[in-house]
Amino acid sequence: MTPEKLLEILSQAAKLKTTYRHCFTDKERRESTAEHSWRLALMGMLMDGDDAYRDCDMNRVIRMCLIHDLGESFTGDIPTFLKQADDSHTEEECFRQWIDTFPSPQKEEWLSLLQEMKAQETKEARLYKALDKLEAIISHNESDIRTWLPLEYDLQLTYGRENTAEPAAMAELRAAVDAWTEEKIRTESPAPDMQIKKG
């Protein structure tokens, strides 16, 4: 890859630093997609070597985590509760068209990762997806609850449940995150009529 092409790709990817998500890292500051992707990759790295994931190629999982939201550098982020099929299609098409401009072997690797992530047939793809869902829930739990929308009280406990049901270690992590969510709602909710509904 030429230095010019590398810099071009990095400049596009850098847009994720100012692509803001629905979640707040502070009362006055939204989380960027770059921050989400970084911590997602860190989660994968921390699980590397864990017996529960020893049969996973964690390097591949981390690579998926790092690139999974780069389509948002073109389209911006749309919260899951607002995102439509057309939005997902547009994001994926922008991402694919961009990757098509890459030289080999990066082009082939990224297209392979994108296809694997979409198909959700490998352990690696399923683990990346589980981490993606969990990181979003964790970030919301770290946010001031006054930044939550009413629908998020239930969404925090149902979002990505099917993705985090297995293996047992992932289900255990999800249970710990859910317990945190329930405690946050119970102790921090400014609306006393908000009820915890387990999904």
Protein backbone atom coordinates (compact mmCIF):
# COMPACT_ATOMS: atom_id res chain seq x y z
CA MET A 1 0.00 0.00 0.00
CA THR A 2 1.37 3.40 -0.93
CA PRO A 3 1.79 6.03 1.79
CA GLU A 4 -0.79 8.17 0.00
CA LYS A 5 -3.43 5.40 0.04
CA LEU A 6 -2.71 4.57 3.67
CA LEU A 7 -3.18 8.22 4.66
CA GLU A 8 -6.38 8.44 2.61
CA ILE A 9 -7.83 5.40 4.41
CA LEU A 10 -6.77 6.70 7.81
CA SER A 11 -8.35 10.08 7.11
CA GLN A 12 -11.68 8.45 6.30
CA ALA A 13 -11.47 6.21 9.37
CA ALA A 14 -10.65 9.25 11.53
CA LYS A 15 -14.17 10.55 10.87
CA LEU A 16 -15.33 8.01 13.48
CA LYS A 17 -13.68 10.23 16.11
CA THR A 18 -16.41 12.80 15.48
CA THR A 19 -19.21 10.40 14.54
CA TYR A 20 -21.30 10.53 17.69
CA ARG A 21 -23.46 7.78 19.12
CA HIS A 22 -26.64 8.07 21.15
CA CYS A 23 -24.79 7.22 24.38
CA PHE A 24 -23.21 9.84 26.62
CA THR A 25 -19.77 9.47 28.22
CA ASP A 26 -20.54 12.51 30.33
CA LYS A 27 -23.65 14.59 30.88
CA GLU A 28 -22.55 17.02 28.18
CA ARG A 29 -20.56 14.72 25.86
CA ARG A 30 -21.69 11.98 23.49
CA GLU A 31 -19.60 8.90 22.87
CA SER A 32 -17.90 8.64 19.48
CA THR A 33 -18.04 5.54 17.32
CA ALA A 34 -14.23 5.40 17.47
CA GLU A 35 -14.40 5.09 21.27
CA HIS A 36 -16.97 2.31 21.01
CA SER A 37 -14.86 0.39 18.48
CA TRP A 38 -11.69 0.80 20.52
CA ARG A 39 -13.22 -0.62 23.69
CA LEU A 40 -14.89 -3.39 21.75
CA ALA A 41 -11.46 -4.46 20.46
CA LEU A 42 -10.06 -4.18 23.99
CA MET A 43 -12.78 -6.52 25.25
CA GLY A 44 -11.71 -9.09 22.66
CA MET A 45 -8.08 -8.70 23.65
CA LEU A 46 -8.92 -9.20 27.33
CA MET A 47 -10.75 -12.44 26.50
CA ASP A 48 -7.81 -13.80 24.54
CA GLY A 49 -6.37 -16.78 26.39
CA ASP A 50 -9.55 -17.34 28.42
CA ASP A 51 -10.43 -21.04 28.42
CA ALA A 52 -14.01 -20.26 27.37
CA TYR A 53 -12.75 -18.79 24.08
CA ARG A 54 -9.64 -20.89 23.44
CA ASP A 55 -11.10 -22.28 20.21
CA CYS A 56 -11.68 -18.77 18.81
CA ASP A 57 -9.20 -16.90 16.61
CA MET A 58 -9.22 -13.82 18.82
CA ASN A 59 -7.01 -11.88 16.44
CA ARG A 60 -9.78 -12.20 13.86
CA VAL A 61 -12.40 -11.16 16.43
CA ILE A 62 -10.37 -8.05 17.31
CA ARG A 63 -10.03 -7.17 13.62
CA MET A 64 -13.80 -7.43 13.21
CA CYS A 65 -14.29 -5.18 16.23
CA LEU A 66 -11.92 -2.56 14.84
CA ILE A 67 -13.59 -2.28 11.43
CA HIS A 68 -17.23 -3.18 12.08
CA ASP A 69 -18.59 0.39 12.23
CA LEU A 70 -16.39 2.06 9.62
CA GLY A 71 -19.40 2.36 7.32
CA GLU A 72 -20.65 4.96 9.78
CA SER A 73 -17.76 7.21 8.75
CA PHE A 74 -19.88 7.80 5.63
CA THR A 75 -23.42 7.65 7.02
CA GLY A 76 -23.18 8.64 10.67
CA ASP A 77 -24.59 6.55 13.50
CA ILE A 78 -28.28 5.80 13.79
CA PRO A 79 -29.49 4.42 17.16
CA THR A 80 -30.68 0.83 17.00
CA PHE A 81 -34.24 1.80 17.92
CA LEU A 82 -34.42 4.15 14.89
CA LYS A 83 -32.34 2.23 12.34
CA GLN A 84 -34.23 0.76 9.38
CA ALA A 85 -33.22 -1.92 6.89
CA ASP A 86 -32.56 0.77 4.26
CA ASP A 87 -30.17 2.52 6.65
CA SER A 88 -28.21 -0.68 7.23
CA HIS A 89 -28.09 -1.36 3.49
CA THR A 90 -26.78 2.13 2.71
CA GLU A 91 -24.10 1.86 5.40
CA GLU A 92 -22.97 -1.54 4.13
CA GLU A 93 -22.88 -0.38 0.51
CA CYS A 94 -20.79 2.69 1.37
CA PHE A 95 -18.39 0.46 3.31
CA ARG A 96 -18.11 -2.07 0.46
CA GLN A 97 -17.54 0.59 -2.19
CA TRP A 98 -14.78 2.09 -0.04
CA ILE A 99 -13.11 -1.29 0.51
CA ASP A 100 -13.23 -1.87 -3.26
CA THR A 101 -10.73 1.00 -3.59
CA PHE A 102 -8.20 -0.74 -1.31
CA PRO A 103 -5.18 -2.48 -2.78
CA SER A 104 -4.55 -6.19 -2.27
CA PRO A 105 -4.27 -7.95 0.12
CA GLN A 106 -6.17 -5.51 2.39
CA LYS A 107 -9.17 -5.44 0.06
CA GLU A 108 -9.61 -9.21 0.13
CA GLU A 109 -9.13 -9.46 3.89
CA TRP A 110 -11.61 -6.71 4.71
CA LEU A 111 -14.23 -8.08 2.30
CA SER A 112 -13.78 -11.51 3.88
CA LEU A 113 -14.24 -10.06 7.37
CA LEU A 114 -17.30 -8.11 6.28
CA GLN A 115 -18.89 -11.21 4.75
CA GLU A 116 -18.12 -13.29 7.85
CA MET A 117 -19.57 -10.64 10.18
CA LYS A 118 -22.77 -10.47 8.15
CA ALA A 119 -23.22 -14.24 7.86
CA GLN A 120 -22.79 -14.83 11.63
CA GLU A 121 -21.83 -18.46 11.00
CA THR A 122 -18.44 -18.61 12.73
CA LYS A 123 -17.61 -18.50 16.43
CA GLU A 124 -15.51 -15.43 15.76
CA ALA A 125 -18.33 -13.52 14.09
CA ARG A 126 -20.79 -14.44 16.82
CA LEU A 127 -18.35 -13.37 19.54
CA TYR A 128 -17.69 -10.02 17.85
CA LYS A 129 -21.46 -9.44 17.63
CA ALA A 130 -21.97 -10.35 21.30
CA LEU A 131 -19.22 -7.95 22.34
CA ASP A 132 -20.71 -5.22 20.14
CA LYS A 133 -24.05 -5.51 21.92
CA LEU A 134 -22.53 -5.76 25.40
CA GLU A 135 -20.24 -2.77 24.96
CA ALA A 136 -23.24 -0.61 24.10
CA ILE A 137 -25.09 -1.76 27.22
CA ILE A 138 -22.02 -1.22 29.40
CA SER A 139 -21.58 2.29 27.99
CA HIS A 140 -25.18 3.16 28.81
CA ASN A 141 -24.74 1.80 32.33
CA GLU A 142 -21.76 4.13 32.72
CA SER A 143 -23.83 7.08 31.51
CA ASP A 144 -25.82 9.37 33.74
CA ILE A 145 -29.26 7.74 33.83
CA ARG A 146 -30.81 11.16 33.18
CA THR A 147 -29.48 10.83 29.59
CA TRP A 148 -31.53 7.65 29.04
CA LEU A 149 -34.71 7.75 26.99
CA PRO A 150 -37.75 6.05 28.58
CA LEU A 151 -37.55 3.16 26.11
CA GLU A 152 -33.99 2.40 27.22
CA TYR A 153 -35.08 1.14 30.63
CA ASP A 154 -36.40 -2.00 28.92
CA LEU A 155 -33.94 -1.97 26.03
CA GLN A 156 -30.97 -2.21 28.40
CA LEU A 157 -32.24 -5.61 29.56
CA THR A 158 -33.37 -6.99 26.19
CA TYR A 159 -30.88 -5.59 23.67
CA GLY A 160 -28.70 -8.31 22.13
CA ARG A 161 -30.02 -11.02 24.44
CA GLU A 162 -29.95 -13.65 21.68
CA ASN A 163 -26.35 -12.70 20.83
CA THR A 164 -25.11 -13.07 24.41
CA ALA A 165 -26.80 -16.34 25.41
CA GLU A 166 -23.76 -18.56 24.77
CA PRO A 167 -21.18 -19.77 25.46
CA ALA A 168 -21.69 -20.05 29.22
CA ALA A 169 -18.94 -17.49 29.93
CA MET A 170 -20.72 -14.92 27.74
CA ALA A 171 -24.05 -15.64 29.44
CA GLU A 172 -22.33 -15.17 32.81
CA LEU A 173 -20.91 -11.81 31.68
CA ARG A 174 -24.35 -10.77 30.41
CA ALA A 175 -25.90 -11.71 33.76
CA ALA A 176 -23.38 -9.48 35.55
CA VAL A 177 -24.13 -6.59 33.20
CA ASP A 178 -27.89 -7.12 33.68
CA ALA A 179 -27.47 -7.08 37.47
CA TRP A 180 -25.60 -3.78 37.12
CA THR A 181 -28.41 -2.40 34.92
CA GLU A 182 -31.09 -3.43 37.40
CA GLU A 183 -29.20 -1.87 40.29
CA LYS A 184 -28.68 1.35 38.33
CA ILE A 185 -32.39 1.61 37.53
CA ARG A 186 -33.37 0.80 41.11
CA THR A 187 -31.01 3.32 42.72
CA GLU A 188 -30.58 6.10 40.16
CA SER A 189 -33.83 6.38 38.21
CA PRO A 190 -35.31 9.87 38.48
CA ALA A 191 -38.71 8.41 37.53
CA PRO A 192 -40.12 6.26 40.37
CA ASP A 193 -42.69 4.63 38.05
CA MET A 194 -39.96 3.03 35.88
CA GLN A 195 -40.26 -0.72 36.40
CA ILE A 196 -37.59 -3.29 35.68
CA LYS A 197 -38.82 -5.81 33.12
CA LYS A 198 -36.54 -8.76 32.56
CA GLY A 199 -36.24 -9.78 28.90
